[in-house]
C-alpha atoms as a PDB file:
ATOM      1  CA  MET A   1      -5.038  -4.030  40.892  1.00  0.00           C
ATOM      2  CA  ILE A   2      -3.586  -7.532  41.005  1.00  0.00           C
ATOM      3  CA  ASP A   3      -0.127  -5.979  41.355  1.00  0.00           C
ATOM      4  CA  LEU A   4      -1.221  -4.141  44.506  1.00  0.00           C
ATOM      5  CA  PHE A   5      -2.648  -7.375  45.916  1.00  0.00           C
ATOM      6  CA  ILE A   6       0.593  -9.265  45.293  1.00  0.00           C
ATOM      7  CA  ASN A   7       2.869  -6.421  46.435  1.00  0.00           C
ATOM      8  CA  GLY A   8       0.852  -5.937  49.627  1.00  0.00           C
ATOM      9  CA  GLY A   9       1.659  -9.468  50.735  1.00  0.00           C
ATOM     10  CA  MET A  10      -0.449 -12.461  49.790  1.00  0.00           C
ATOM     11  CA  GLY A  11      -1.159 -13.501  53.381  1.00  0.00           C
ATOM     12  CA  TRP A  12      -2.278 -10.133  54.670  1.00  0.00           C
ATOM     13  CA  MET A  13      -4.189  -9.150  51.561  1.00  0.00           C
ATOM     14  CA  SER A  14      -5.961 -12.527  51.488  1.00  0.00           C
ATOM     15  CA  MET A  15      -6.977 -12.081  55.116  1.00  0.00           C
ATOM     16  CA  LEU A  16      -8.313  -8.605  54.358  1.00  0.00           C
ATOM     17  CA  THR A  17     -10.222  -9.931  51.328  1.00  0.00           C
ATOM     18  CA  ILE A  18     -11.821 -12.620  53.498  1.00  0.00           C
ATOM     19  CA  GLU A  19     -12.848  -9.871  55.907  1.00  0.00           C
ATOM     20  CA  LEU A  20     -14.345  -7.911  52.986  1.00  0.00           C
ATOM     21  CA  ILE A  21     -16.376 -10.956  51.932  1.00  0.00           C
ATOM     22  CA  ALA A  22     -17.464 -11.425  55.564  1.00  0.00           C
ATOM     23  CA  LEU A  23     -18.512  -7.774  55.610  1.00  0.00           C
ATOM     24  CA  PHE A  24     -20.806  -8.203  52.617  1.00  0.00           C
ATOM     25  CA  PHE A  25     -22.184 -11.439  54.053  1.00  0.00           C
ATOM     26  CA  ALA A  26     -22.828  -9.720  57.402  1.00  0.00           C
ATOM     27  CA  ALA A  27     -24.566  -6.837  55.648  1.00  0.00           C
ATOM     28  CA  TRP A  28     -26.961  -9.379  54.221  1.00  0.00           C
ATOM     29  CA  LYS A  29     -27.410 -11.748  57.201  1.00  0.00           C
ATOM     30  CA  ALA A  30     -26.219  -9.985  60.387  1.00  0.00           C
ATOM     31  CA  PRO A  31     -26.325  -6.182  60.004  1.00  0.00           C
ATOM     32  CA  THR A  32     -25.239  -5.570  63.596  1.00  0.00           C
ATOM     33  CA  TRP A  33     -21.798  -7.036  62.859  1.00  0.00           C
ATOM     34  CA  VAL A  34     -20.994  -4.711  59.958  1.00  0.00           C
ATOM     35  CA  ARG A  35     -19.115  -2.072  61.937  1.00  0.00           C
ATOM     36  CA  GLU A  36     -17.211  -4.657  63.973  1.00  0.00           C
ATOM     37  CA  ILE A  37     -16.002  -6.471  60.869  1.00  0.00           C
ATOM     38  CA  GLY A  38     -14.878  -3.134  59.425  1.00  0.00           C
ATOM     39  CA  ALA A  39     -12.976  -2.388  62.622  1.00  0.00           C
ATOM     40  CA  ILE A  40     -11.327  -5.821  62.471  1.00  0.00           C
ATOM     41  CA  ALA A  41     -10.249  -5.118  58.881  1.00  0.00           C
ATOM     42  CA  LEU A  42      -8.789  -1.760  59.904  1.00  0.00           C
ATOM     43  CA  SER A  43      -6.944  -3.398  62.804  1.00  0.00           C
ATOM     44  CA  THR A  44      -5.616  -6.138  60.540  1.00  0.00           C
ATOM     45  CA  GLY A  45      -4.300  -3.544  58.081  1.00  0.00           C
ATOM     46  CA  ILE A  46      -2.554  -1.597  60.842  1.00  0.00           C
ATOM     47  CA  LEU A  47      -1.108  -4.756  62.394  1.00  0.00           C
ATOM     48  CA  SER A  48       0.218  -5.987  59.065  1.00  0.00           C
ATOM     49  CA  THR A  49       1.910  -2.659  58.391  1.00  0.00           C
ATOM     50  CA  PHE A  50       3.597  -2.635  61.790  1.00  0.00           C
ATOM     51  CA  ILE A  51       4.801  -6.235  61.439  1.00  0.00           C
ATOM     52  CA  VAL A  52       6.192  -5.606  57.952  1.00  0.00           C
ATOM     53  CA  LEU A  53       7.934  -2.412  59.071  1.00  0.00           C
ATOM     54  CA  PHE A  54       9.358  -4.148  62.155  1.00  0.00           C
ATOM     55  CA  ASN A  55      10.840  -6.895  59.991  1.00  0.00           C
ATOM     56  CA  ALA A  56      12.125  -4.417  57.409  1.00  0.00           C
ATOM     57  CA  PHE A  57      13.820  -2.225  60.005  1.00  0.00           C
ATOM     58  CA  GLY A  58      15.459  -5.282  61.555  1.00  0.00           C
ATOM     59  CA  THR A  59      16.858  -6.230  58.173  1.00  0.00           C
ATOM     60  CA  ILE A  60      18.048  -2.673  57.539  1.00  0.00           C
ATOM     61  CA  GLU A  61      19.756  -2.641  60.936  1.00  0.00           C
ATOM     62  CA  MET A  62      21.757  -5.741  60.017  1.00  0.00           C
ATOM     63  CA  ALA A  63      22.521  -4.619  56.454  1.00  0.00           C
ATOM     64  CA  GLY A  64      23.884  -1.205  57.364  1.00  0.00           C
ATOM     65  CA  ASP A  65      23.735   1.452  54.663  1.00  0.00           C
ATOM     66  CA  ILE A  66      20.891   1.303  52.155  1.00  0.00           C
ATOM     67  CA  SER A  67      19.739   3.774  49.550  1.00  0.00           C
ATOM     68  CA  MET A  68      16.873   6.134  50.181  1.00  0.00           C
ATOM     69  CA  SER A  69      15.024   4.877  47.085  1.00  0.00           C
ATOM     70  CA  LEU A  70      15.071   1.319  48.464  1.00  0.00           C
ATOM     71  CA  LEU A  71      13.712   2.528  51.799  1.00  0.00           C
ATOM     72  CA  CYS A  72      10.947   4.570  50.153  1.00  0.00           C
ATOM     73  CA  SER A  73       9.874   1.702  47.906  1.00  0.00           C
ATOM     74  CA  GLY A  74       9.684  -0.570  50.956  1.00  0.00           C
ATOM     75  CA  LEU A  75       7.571   1.954  52.841  1.00  0.00           C
ATOM     76  CA  ARG A  76       5.290   2.316  49.821  1.00  0.00           C
ATOM     77  CA  LEU A  77       4.709  -1.430  49.744  1.00  0.00           C
ATOM     78  CA  ALA A  78       4.165  -1.591  53.511  1.00  0.00           C
ATOM     79  CA  ILE A  79       1.347   0.965  53.292  1.00  0.00           C
ATOM     80  CA  ILE A  80      -0.767  -1.060  50.813  1.00  0.00           C
ATOM     81  CA  PRO A  81      -2.507  -3.325  53.401  1.00  0.00           C
ATOM     82  CA  ILE A  82      -3.387  -0.423  55.682  1.00  0.00           C
ATOM     83  CA  CYS A  83      -4.969   1.435  52.756  1.00  0.00           C
ATOM     84  CA  TYR A  84      -7.006  -1.677  51.895  1.00  0.00           C
ATOM     85  CA  GLY A  85      -8.078  -2.004  55.542  1.00  0.00           C
ATOM     86  CA  ILE A  86      -9.146   1.653  55.628  1.00  0.00           C
ATOM     87  CA  LEU A  87     -11.198   1.183  52.447  1.00  0.00           C
ATOM     88  CA  ILE A  88     -12.946  -1.844  53.983  1.00  0.00           C
ATOM     89  CA  PHE A  89     -13.650   0.164  57.146  1.00  0.00           C
ATOM     90  CA  ILE A  90     -15.109   3.027  55.102  1.00  0.00           C
ATOM     91  CA  ALA A  91     -17.260   0.518  53.197  1.00  0.00           C
ATOM     92  CA  SER A  92     -18.536  -0.845  56.510  1.00  0.00           C
ATOM     93  CA  LEU A  93     -19.485   2.646  57.658  1.00  0.00           C
ATOM     94  CA  VAL A  94     -21.291   3.362  54.377  1.00  0.00           C
ATOM     95  CA  ILE A  95     -23.167   0.055  54.595  1.00  0.00           C
ATOM     96  CA  ARG A  96     -24.141   0.813  58.173  1.00  0.00           C
ATOM     97  CA  ILE A  97     -25.404   4.287  57.226  1.00  0.00           C
ATOM     98  CA  VAL A  98     -27.448   2.880  54.351  1.00  0.00           C
ATOM     99  CA  GLN A  99     -28.960   0.134  56.543  1.00  0.00           C
ATOM    100  CA  LYS A 100     -29.776   2.464  59.441  1.00  0.00           C
ATOM    101  CA  PRO A 101     -33.502   3.002  59.884  1.00  0.00           C
ATOM    102  CA  ARG A 102     -34.779   6.421  58.849  1.00  0.00           C
ATOM    103  CA  MET A 103     -36.489   8.766  61.275  1.00  0.00           C
END
């Protein structure tokens, strides 16, 4: 698990972890913010993936030929933050469903 955190990029993964902590704090103190914090986490994951891919493709453009295995391993690492953001968003939806008043 620590390997995924480090490989996903310390900056982006730390930001997503702070958003996860904010989600749990909001579930306790401000339940109306739960879905919004989940959406922010999802957006952060998507943004981080696009920025990493943009930088990687720029480097590939300058380098010329690269192997397919190198490209696939880079894409695998770029997808880690978006998966973490999606998991946080799903957690926010589950928390919101659990906190919703029953009819």
